Amino acid sequence: MSLSVMTIASPRMVRRLAAVACGAVALLAGSVAQAALPIENWTASTGAKVFFVPSPSIPMLDVNIDFDAGGRYDPPGKAGLATLTAALLDKGAAAQDGQPARNEAQVADAFADTGADFGGAAGGDRGGIGLRTLTASPEREQSLRLAGQLIKAPTYPAAVVEREKQRLITAIREGDSRPGVIADKTLSKAVYPNHPYGVSATPESVAAISRDDLLKFWRDNYTAKRAVVTLIGAIDRKQAEQIAEDLTRGLPEGVAAPKVPDVQMTIPGSETRIPHPAQQASVAMGQPAIARGDPDYFALLVGNYVLGGGGFSSRLTDQVREKRGLTYGVDSYFAPAKQPGPFGITLQTKKENTDEALRLVREILKQYVQTGPTDAELRAAKDNLVNGFPLRIDSNRKLLTNVANIGWYGLPLDYLDTWTAQIGKVTREQVRAAFQKHVHPDAMATVIVGGPAQP
């Protein structure tokens, strides 16, 4: 699946082909790094946007359909609706286009018969499905017909809905016992006080979701005109066009996307301390930052690698962990989305070291925003990012994710071809200017879970 947003920091298979796939994908990644990636793009007659990359080396096809159907459209008091709508698509389907009605077990058996892999998921911005199948007939045709049936005629059986709601509620309760999860959720509320990005599913919000809510959310949002279809595999353009048409014809008419409030870009600096019996403290700090199409993306990508996104080569790890031993781990990240996503820093430390570690992190961040990276830090970050680029596209799944993001965020078709060149052009002054524009150390929310009381 390619539903999770691409972050600047650092959200199922045909086993008999695994060895062949690994070798062929490695060749693909090498060729992509040296030559133009042949991304073809068009709009289907249904209104869906389609992005296609032929990959004839492996007899497989990967399909991703992203719908403008993410959690930011969850109704008040029903957070988790988008997640359940996507996740339960494969739990049953009504008869459709000559295909018989199928229950949950029959859907699973049908995909097992063709060796295919299907799944639904949703994030804050988008929801949808991913399918991997053999390209040989009849496996491909059967898998595609079943995938189309599931997204066009899901039944959301009442008993299954209740079962999966209870599973999600149990998972939420378990997560809410962990300091890291508590810190992340509390930080989201502080960073996005008046926006859906700050809302997390709760046991109460999931319990309030009904089968009718799922069907309505699907009817309203799973529409061809709000879909991006991505295909990568051993098919030609004519076949790709037909597949996109078949998968998106017959989807609900839907409604116009609901209005989502603008992100409040300036938040007051705040600090929240939450008691917890854990042996170490979890600290999370952040603020709203950038949307995915921001022109400062590459400067922030390189700059964040230096600050805290580069693992042991980053300034935060060097100063806070290696030189002073104040943390088990510290990193920084940007998570751009359709609307401005967050910039954040997370760390874990012994309870007694919390205040010292937090003070040091704040000092490092403030200094970095003022001065930016050194020449040596910038050069090392750019070299590491450029040299690691093939690992971003070294499988069809990773390539699918990248191409789907190009389609979803409206990035240039040559985005992957020019990625390393864009990194190479970043200067120290660009990094410094971008951080000063988007990162405000004195206006960040901070959450400490498990640390000492307010000093």
Protein backbone atom coordinates (compact mmCIF):
# COMPACT_ATOMS: atom_id res chain seq x y z
CA MET A 1 0.00 0.00 0.00
CA SER A 2 1.08 3.55 -0.56
CA LEU A 3 -1.31 5.34 1.69
CA SER A 4 1.01 6.70 4.27
CA VAL A 5 2.52 10.17 3.66
CA MET A 6 6.17 10.42 2.61
CA THR A 7 8.21 11.74 5.49
CA ILE A 8 11.38 13.73 5.30
CA ALA A 9 12.90 12.12 8.40
CA SER A 10 14.22 9.44 8.24
CA PRO A 11 2.37 4.29 8.39
CA ARG A 12 1.03 -8.56 2.07
CA MET A 13 2.89 -12.68 -1.62
CA VAL A 14 3.69 -14.61 -4.55
CA ARG A 15 6.47 -16.58 -2.90
CA ARG A 16 7.38 -18.76 -5.82
CA LEU A 17 8.53 -15.61 -7.65
CA ALA A 18 10.46 -14.05 -4.77
CA ALA A 19 13.94 -14.91 -6.00
CA VAL A 20 13.23 -13.77 -9.53
CA ALA A 21 11.60 -10.57 -8.26
CA CYS A 22 14.57 -9.56 -6.13
CA GLY A 23 17.00 -9.78 -9.03
CA ALA A 24 14.75 -8.11 -11.55
CA VAL A 25 13.83 -5.29 -9.21
CA ALA A 26 17.47 -4.58 -8.50
CA LEU A 27 18.02 -4.16 -12.24
CA LEU A 28 15.00 -1.88 -12.42
CA ALA A 29 16.26 0.29 -9.58
CA GLY A 30 19.64 0.65 -11.25
CA SER A 31 18.13 1.66 -14.56
CA VAL A 32 15.77 4.16 -12.90
CA ALA A 33 18.67 5.84 -11.15
CA GLN A 34 20.44 6.36 -14.49
CA ALA A 35 17.62 6.95 -16.98
CA ALA A 36 14.22 8.52 -17.20
CA LEU A 37 11.47 6.56 -15.48
CA PRO A 38 8.75 6.07 -18.08
CA ILE A 39 5.73 7.24 -16.09
CA GLU A 40 2.69 7.47 -18.34
CA ASN A 41 -0.25 9.55 -17.19
CA TRP A 42 -3.81 10.08 -18.41
CA THR A 43 -7.36 10.59 -17.19
CA ALA A 44 -9.76 7.67 -17.64
CA SER A 45 -13.21 8.24 -19.09
CA THR A 46 -14.54 7.74 -15.55
CA GLY A 47 -12.60 10.77 -14.34
CA ALA A 48 -9.95 8.80 -12.44
CA LYS A 49 -6.35 9.95 -12.80
CA VAL A 50 -4.07 7.11 -13.93
CA PHE A 51 -0.29 6.68 -13.60
CA PHE A 52 1.42 3.69 -15.25
CA VAL A 53 4.96 2.34 -15.35
CA PRO A 54 5.63 -0.75 -17.51
CA SER A 55 7.88 -3.27 -15.77
CA PRO A 56 8.16 -6.35 -17.98
CA SER A 57 10.95 -8.10 -16.06
CA ILE A 58 8.63 -9.75 -13.54
CA PRO A 59 5.32 -11.46 -14.44
CA MET A 60 3.46 -9.48 -11.79
CA LEU A 61 1.19 -6.45 -11.56
CA ASP A 62 0.88 -4.02 -8.67
CA VAL A 63 -2.20 -1.80 -8.54
CA ASN A 64 -2.93 0.99 -6.08
CA ILE A 65 -6.09 3.09 -5.93
CA ASP A 66 -6.04 6.12 -3.67
CA PHE A 67 -9.36 7.80 -2.96
CA ASP A 68 -9.78 11.23 -1.43
CA ALA A 69 -11.27 9.43 1.56
CA GLY A 70 -8.98 9.89 4.54
CA GLY A 71 -9.56 10.45 8.21
CA ARG A 72 -9.81 14.21 7.80
CA TYR A 73 -13.37 13.54 6.57
CA ASP A 74 -14.41 11.54 9.65
CA PRO A 75 -17.61 13.06 11.12
CA PRO A 76 -17.30 14.60 14.59
CA GLY A 77 -17.39 11.93 17.27
CA LYS A 78 -16.69 9.10 14.79
CA ALA A 79 -12.93 9.19 14.34
CA GLY A 80 -11.82 5.87 12.86
CA LEU A 81 -14.59 5.74 10.25
CA ALA A 82 -12.24 6.17 7.29
CA THR A 83 -9.94 3.47 8.71
CA LEU A 84 -12.74 0.93 9.11
CA THR A 85 -14.30 1.78 5.73
CA ALA A 86 -11.06 0.89 3.94
CA ALA A 87 -10.02 -2.02 6.13
CA LEU A 88 -13.37 -3.84 5.80
CA LEU A 89 -13.66 -3.64 2.01
CA ASP A 90 -12.56 -7.27 1.69
CA LYS A 91 -15.03 -8.65 4.25
CA GLY A 92 -17.82 -9.30 1.75
CA ALA A 93 -19.25 -8.17 -1.58
CA ALA A 94 -22.65 -8.21 -3.23
CA ALA A 95 -23.13 -9.76 -6.68
CA GLN A 96 -21.72 -7.36 -9.25
CA ASP A 97 -20.90 -7.44 -12.99
CA GLY A 98 -21.63 -11.15 -13.23
CA GLN A 99 -19.61 -11.98 -10.12
CA PRO A 100 -21.46 -13.93 -7.39
CA ALA A 101 -21.93 -12.51 -3.93
CA ARG A 102 -19.07 -13.48 -1.61
CA ASN A 103 -18.64 -13.54 2.13
CA GLU A 104 -15.40 -12.92 4.00
CA ALA A 105 -14.12 -16.49 3.72
CA GLN A 106 -15.01 -16.72 0.03
CA VAL A 107 -13.13 -13.52 -0.71
CA ALA A 108 -10.03 -14.84 1.05
CA ASP A 109 -10.27 -18.18 -0.74
CA ALA A 110 -10.67 -16.50 -4.13
CA PHE A 111 -7.52 -14.44 -3.69
CA ALA A 112 -5.66 -17.48 -2.37
CA ASP A 113 -6.65 -19.39 -5.52
CA THR A 114 -4.97 -16.78 -7.73
CA GLY A 115 -1.97 -16.16 -5.45
CA ALA A 116 -2.98 -12.51 -5.17
CA ASP A 117 -2.68 -10.09 -2.29
CA PHE A 118 -5.34 -7.44 -1.55
CA GLY A 119 -5.71 -4.96 1.28
CA GLY A 120 -7.40 -1.72 2.21
CA ALA A 121 -6.06 1.05 4.43
CA ALA A 122 -6.60 4.72 5.21
CA GLY A 123 -4.52 7.59 6.51
CA GLY A 124 -5.26 11.16 7.34
CA ASP A 125 -5.68 12.28 3.72
CA ARG A 126 -6.54 9.22 1.65
CA GLY A 127 -8.02 5.75 1.78
CA GLY A 128 -7.99 2.95 -0.74
CA ILE A 129 -6.69 -0.42 -1.81
CA GLY A 130 -3.60 -2.21 -3.03
CA LEU A 131 -3.53 -5.34 -5.19
CA ARG A 132 -0.62 -7.53 -6.25
CA THR A 133 -1.28 -10.31 -8.73
CA LEU A 134 0.35 -12.52 -11.31
CA THR A 135 0.00 -11.23 -14.86
CA ALA A 136 -0.70 -14.65 -16.34
CA SER A 137 -4.25 -15.40 -17.43
CA PRO A 138 -6.64 -16.28 -15.85
CA GLU A 139 -5.08 -15.27 -12.49
CA ARG A 140 -4.81 -11.60 -13.38
CA GLU A 141 -8.35 -11.32 -14.74
CA GLN A 142 -9.85 -13.12 -11.76
CA SER A 143 -7.93 -11.01 -9.24
CA LEU A 144 -8.84 -7.74 -10.94
CA ARG A 145 -12.52 -8.67 -11.21
CA LEU A 146 -12.64 -9.53 -7.52
CA ALA A 147 -10.84 -6.32 -6.54
CA GLY A 148 -13.30 -4.33 -8.61
CA GLN A 149 -16.23 -6.11 -7.00
CA LEU A 150 -14.94 -5.32 -3.51
CA ILE A 151 -14.57 -1.59 -4.08
CA LYS A 152 -17.84 -1.27 -6.03
CA ALA A 153 -20.16 -3.46 -3.93
CA PRO A 154 -18.85 -3.92 -0.37
CA THR A 155 -21.43 -5.30 2.03
CA TYR A 156 -19.92 -4.51 5.43
CA PRO A 157 -21.65 -7.45 7.17
CA ALA A 158 -23.04 -6.34 10.53
CA ALA A 159 -21.44 -9.15 12.52
CA VAL A 160 -18.05 -8.54 10.94
CA VAL A 161 -18.32 -4.80 11.53
CA GLU A 162 -18.96 -5.36 15.24
CA ARG A 163 -16.09 -7.85 15.48
CA GLU A 164 -13.62 -5.52 13.79
CA LYS A 165 -14.78 -2.56 15.84
CA GLN A 166 -13.99 -4.51 19.00
CA ARG A 167 -10.57 -5.45 17.63
CA LEU A 168 -9.82 -1.81 16.85
CA ILE A 169 -11.05 -0.69 20.26
CA THR A 170 -8.80 -3.28 21.91
CA ALA A 171 -5.82 -2.09 19.83
CA ILE A 172 -6.51 1.54 20.73
CA ARG A 173 -6.73 0.73 24.44
CA GLU A 174 -3.50 -1.23 24.32
CA GLY A 175 -1.75 1.59 22.47
CA ASP A 176 -3.07 4.17 24.89
CA SER A 177 -1.20 2.42 27.69
CA ARG A 178 2.18 3.11 26.07
CA PRO A 179 3.99 6.39 26.74
CA GLY A 180 5.07 6.90 23.14
CA VAL A 181 1.52 6.60 21.85
CA ILE A 182 0.19 8.88 24.58
CA ALA A 183 2.84 11.48 23.71
CA ASP A 184 2.10 11.32 19.96
CA LYS A 185 -1.66 11.67 20.38
CA THR A 186 -1.37 14.48 22.90
CA LEU A 187 1.08 16.30 20.65
CA SER A 188 -1.24 15.97 17.64
CA LYS A 189 -4.04 17.64 19.59
CA ALA A 190 -1.73 20.47 20.59
CA VAL A 191 -0.28 20.98 17.10
CA TYR A 192 -3.66 20.78 15.34
CA PRO A 193 -6.17 22.12 17.90
CA ASN A 194 -8.85 23.00 15.34
CA HIS A 195 -8.15 20.52 12.54
CA PRO A 196 -8.88 16.83 11.84
CA TYR A 197 -5.14 16.10 11.76
CA GLY A 198 -5.22 16.51 15.53
CA VAL A 199 -8.05 14.02 16.11
CA SER A 200 -7.31 10.38 16.98
CA ALA A 201 -9.72 7.46 17.16
CA THR A 202 -10.87 6.55 20.65
CA PRO A 203 -12.79 3.54 21.99
CA GLU A 204 -15.83 5.80 22.23
CA SER A 205 -15.57 7.17 18.69
CA VAL A 206 -15.14 3.68 17.21
CA ALA A 207 -18.05 2.32 19.26
CA ALA A 208 -20.24 5.08 17.83
CA ILE A 209 -19.63 3.96 14.22
CA SER A 210 -22.47 1.99 12.63
CA ARG A 211 -22.69 -0.15 9.52
CA ASP A 212 -24.76 2.63 7.92
CA ASP A 213 -21.91 5.06 8.63
CA LEU A 214 -19.50 2.79 6.74
CA LEU A 215 -21.79 2.48 3.74
CA LYS A 216 -22.40 6.22 3.62
CA PHE A 217 -18.71 7.05 3.88
CA TRP A 218 -17.99 4.59 1.04
CA ARG A 219 -20.80 5.97 -1.15
CA ASP A 220 -19.78 9.56 -0.56
CA ASN A 221 -16.03 9.24 -1.02
CA TYR A 222 -15.11 6.15 -3.07
CA THR A 223 -15.80 7.79 -6.40
CA ALA A 224 -13.82 7.66 -9.65
CA LYS A 225 -13.52 11.42 -9.89
CA ARG A 226 -11.72 11.45 -6.55
CA ALA A 227 -9.44 8.49 -7.36
CA VAL A 228 -5.80 8.12 -8.39
CA VAL A 229 -4.95 4.74 -9.96
CA THR A 230 -1.31 3.61 -10.09
CA LEU A 231 -0.20 0.52 -12.02
CA ILE A 232 3.29 -0.99 -12.24
CA GLY A 233 3.93 -4.33 -13.89
CA ALA A 234 4.26 -6.56 -16.92
CA ILE A 235 1.42 -5.09 -18.95
CA ASP A 236 1.28 -2.63 -21.84
CA ARG A 237 -0.42 0.75 -22.12
CA LYS A 238 -3.56 -0.65 -23.75
CA GLN A 239 -3.98 -3.20 -20.97
CA ALA A 240 -3.34 -0.54 -18.32
CA GLU A 241 -6.02 1.69 -19.82
CA GLN A 242 -8.55 -1.15 -19.79
CA ILE A 243 -7.73 -2.14 -16.23
CA ALA A 244 -8.13 1.43 -14.97
CA GLU A 245 -11.44 1.77 -16.79
CA ASP A 246 -12.75 -1.56 -15.48
CA LEU A 247 -11.76 -0.85 -11.88
CA THR A 248 -13.26 2.64 -11.73
CA ARG A 249 -16.38 2.22 -13.87
CA GLY A 250 -19.41 1.58 -11.65
CA LEU A 251 -18.07 3.23 -8.51
CA PRO A 252 -20.50 5.40 -6.54
CA GLU A 253 -21.29 8.84 -7.91
CA GLY A 254 -20.13 10.28 -4.60
CA VAL A 255 -20.31 13.86 -3.38
CA ALA A 256 -17.99 16.82 -3.52
CA ALA A 257 -15.20 16.58 -0.99
CA PRO A 258 -16.25 18.14 2.32
CA LYS A 259 -14.63 21.42 3.27
CA VAL A 260 -11.73 20.92 5.64
CA PRO A 261 -10.55 23.88 7.74
CA ASP A 262 -7.20 25.45 7.04
CA VAL A 263 -4.36 24.48 9.33
CA GLN A 264 -3.66 27.02 12.06
CA MET A 265 0.01 27.57 11.25
CA THR A 266 1.00 29.47 14.40
CA ILE A 267 0.44 27.76 17.73
CA PRO A 268 1.44 28.99 21.17
CA GLY A 269 4.44 27.35 22.75
CA SER A 270 3.24 24.87 25.36
CA GLU A 271 4.49 22.09 27.60
CA THR A 272 2.34 19.23 28.90
CA ARG A 273 3.57 16.66 31.43
CA ILE A 274 1.67 13.41 31.89
CA PRO A 275 2.55 10.96 34.71
CA HIS A 276 3.29 7.36 33.69
CA PRO A 277 4.89 4.42 35.54
CA ALA A 278 7.23 3.55 32.66
CA GLN A 279 10.93 3.37 33.47
CA GLN A 280 11.79 6.01 30.89
CA ALA A 281 10.23 9.23 29.67
CA SER A 282 8.92 9.78 26.15
CA VAL A 283 9.19 13.32 24.81
CA ALA A 284 7.50 14.64 21.67
CA MET A 285 7.61 18.19 20.40
CA GLY A 286 6.30 19.74 17.22
CA GLN A 287 4.42 22.34 15.23
CA PRO A 288 2.64 22.64 11.86
CA ALA A 289 5.15 22.94 9.01
CA ILE A 290 4.67 22.23 5.28
CA ALA A 291 2.36 20.68 2.71
CA ARG A 292 3.86 18.16 0.29
CA GLY A 293 4.19 20.50 -2.69
CA ASP A 294 6.11 23.18 -0.81
CA PRO A 295 9.10 24.47 -2.82
CA ASP A 296 11.29 24.24 0.30
CA TYR A 297 10.84 20.46 0.45
CA PHE A 298 14.33 19.51 -0.69
CA ALA A 299 16.08 22.11 1.45
CA LEU A 300 14.18 20.81 4.48
CA LEU A 301 14.89 17.20 3.53
CA VAL A 302 18.63 17.82 3.41
CA GLY A 303 18.58 20.07 6.45
CA ASN A 304 16.60 17.62 8.53
CA TYR A 305 19.04 14.84 7.65
CA VAL A 306 21.72 16.92 9.34
CA LEU A 307 19.57 17.88 12.31
CA GLY A 308 17.98 14.58 13.33
CA GLY A 309 16.89 12.50 10.35
CA GLY A 310 20.28 10.98 9.55
CA GLY A 311 20.53 8.51 12.42
CA PHE A 312 23.96 8.37 14.02
CA SER A 313 25.29 10.99 11.62
CA SER A 314 22.78 13.61 12.78
CA ARG A 315 23.58 16.50 15.10
CA LEU A 316 20.93 15.58 17.67
CA THR A 317 22.15 12.00 18.01
CA ASP A 318 25.77 13.09 18.18
CA GLN A 319 25.21 15.74 20.83
CA VAL A 320 22.42 14.24 22.95
CA ARG A 321 23.17 10.52 22.78
CA GLU A 322 26.79 9.95 21.80
CA LYS A 323 28.51 12.79 23.63
CA ARG A 324 26.29 13.09 26.70
CA GLY A 325 24.42 9.78 26.94
CA LEU A 326 21.14 11.52 27.72
CA THR A 327 18.85 9.54 25.42
CA TYR A 328 18.18 6.07 24.08
CA GLY A 329 17.17 7.60 20.78
CA VAL A 330 16.35 11.00 19.29
CA ASP A 331 15.24 12.04 15.84
CA SER A 332 13.54 14.84 13.94
CA TYR A 333 11.16 14.68 11.02
CA PHE A 334 8.91 16.54 8.61
CA ALA A 335 5.68 14.79 7.59
CA PRO A 336 4.21 16.89 4.76
CA ALA A 337 0.65 16.06 3.71
CA LYS A 338 -2.12 17.52 1.54
CA GLN A 339 -2.34 20.28 4.10
CA PRO A 340 0.65 21.38 6.16
CA GLY A 341 1.95 18.39 8.08
CA PRO A 342 4.10 18.60 11.20
CA PHE A 343 7.73 19.12 12.00
CA GLY A 344 8.63 17.19 15.11
CA ILE A 345 11.32 15.83 17.40
CA THR A 346 10.98 12.71 19.54
CA LEU A 347 13.25 11.22 22.16
CA GLN A 348 13.29 8.72 25.00
CA THR A 349 15.39 9.15 28.12
CA LYS A 350 15.76 8.13 31.75
CA LYS A 351 13.26 9.98 33.90
CA GLU A 352 16.00 11.75 35.84
CA ASN A 353 17.57 13.00 32.58
CA THR A 354 14.37 14.39 31.09
CA ASP A 355 14.83 18.08 31.80
CA GLU A 356 18.51 18.13 30.90
CA ALA A 357 17.89 16.28 27.62
CA LEU A 358 14.97 18.52 26.72
CA ARG A 359 16.98 21.66 27.46
CA LEU A 360 19.82 20.45 25.24
CA VAL A 361 17.50 19.50 22.37
CA ARG A 362 15.90 22.93 22.48
CA GLU A 363 19.32 24.61 22.44
CA ILE A 364 20.50 22.53 19.48
CA LEU A 365 17.33 23.23 17.53
CA LYS A 366 17.46 26.97 18.19
CA GLN A 367 21.10 27.18 17.16
CA TYR A 368 20.52 25.09 14.07
CA VAL A 369 17.65 27.29 12.91
CA GLN A 370 19.88 30.34 13.35
CA THR A 371 22.99 29.02 11.62
CA GLY A 372 22.04 26.00 9.52
CA PRO A 373 24.47 23.15 8.74
CA THR A 374 28.21 23.40 8.31
CA ASP A 375 29.74 22.80 4.89
CA ALA A 376 30.92 19.36 6.01
CA GLU A 377 27.50 18.42 7.41
CA LEU A 378 25.75 19.56 4.24
CA ARG A 379 28.14 17.64 2.00
CA ALA A 380 27.80 14.45 4.05
CA ALA A 381 23.99 14.69 4.12
CA LYS A 382 23.75 15.20 0.38
CA ASP A 383 26.14 12.32 -0.32
CA ASN A 384 24.23 9.97 1.96
CA LEU A 385 20.85 10.90 0.48
CA VAL A 386 22.04 10.59 -3.11
CA ASN A 387 23.87 7.31 -2.48
CA GLY A 388 20.82 5.91 -0.66
CA PHE A 389 18.38 6.88 -3.40
CA PRO A 390 18.35 3.43 -5.11
CA LEU A 391 17.07 1.94 -1.83
CA ARG A 392 13.97 4.13 -2.14
CA ILE A 393 12.99 2.36 -5.39
CA ASP A 394 14.59 -1.08 -5.06
CA SER A 395 11.31 -3.00 -5.25
CA ASN A 396 8.13 -2.69 -7.24
CA ARG A 397 6.29 -1.92 -4.02
CA LYS A 398 8.56 1.00 -3.18
CA LEU A 399 8.34 2.21 -6.76
CA LEU A 400 4.56 1.92 -6.61
CA THR A 401 4.51 4.02 -3.44
CA ASN A 402 6.64 6.72 -5.03
CA VAL A 403 4.63 6.87 -8.26
CA ALA A 404 1.35 6.88 -6.31
CA ASN A 405 2.65 9.83 -4.31
CA ILE A 406 3.55 11.63 -7.52
CA GLY A 407 -0.04 11.18 -8.65
CA TRP A 408 -1.65 11.97 -5.31
CA TYR A 409 0.32 15.13 -4.61
CA GLY A 410 0.48 16.35 -8.20
CA LEU A 411 4.29 16.21 -8.36
CA PRO A 412 6.13 16.49 -11.72
CA LEU A 413 6.30 13.24 -13.70
CA ASP A 414 10.10 13.53 -13.73
CA TYR A 415 10.21 13.87 -9.93
CA LEU A 416 12.16 10.63 -9.43
CA ASP A 417 14.45 11.35 -12.40
CA THR A 418 15.47 14.72 -10.96
CA TRP A 419 15.46 13.73 -7.26
CA THR A 420 19.23 13.40 -6.88
CA ALA A 421 19.84 16.57 -8.88
CA GLN A 422 17.45 18.47 -6.61
CA ILE A 423 19.36 17.21 -3.59
CA GLY A 424 22.65 18.19 -5.16
CA LYS A 425 21.52 21.79 -5.73
CA VAL A 426 20.64 22.48 -2.09
CA THR A 427 22.87 25.11 -0.46
CA ARG A 428 23.58 26.00 3.15
CA GLU A 429 21.74 29.28 2.76
CA GLN A 430 18.68 27.52 1.34
CA VAL A 431 18.59 25.16 4.32
CA ARG A 432 18.98 28.00 6.79
CA ALA A 433 16.32 30.12 5.08
CA ALA A 434 13.88 27.19 4.86
CA PHE A 435 14.28 26.31 8.53
CA GLN A 436 13.89 29.92 9.60
CA LYS A 437 10.71 30.15 7.53
CA HIS A 438 9.09 26.91 8.66
CA VAL A 439 10.51 26.04 12.10
CA HIS A 440 9.89 28.25 15.13
CA PRO A 441 11.59 26.84 18.25
CA ASP A 442 9.78 29.18 20.63
CA ALA A 443 6.35 28.25 19.26
CA MET A 444 6.39 24.48 19.58
CA ALA A 445 4.18 22.18 21.62
CA THR A 446 6.03 19.78 23.91
CA VAL A 447 4.65 16.67 25.61
CA ILE A 448 6.53 14.67 28.26
CA VAL A 449 5.05 11.34 29.31
CA GLY A 450 6.61 9.60 32.29
CA GLY A 451 9.07 12.31 33.20
CA PRO A 452 9.36 14.28 36.42
CA ALA A 453 6.76 16.84 37.45
CA GLN A 454 7.11 20.42 36.32
CA PRO A 455 10.48 21.69 37.57
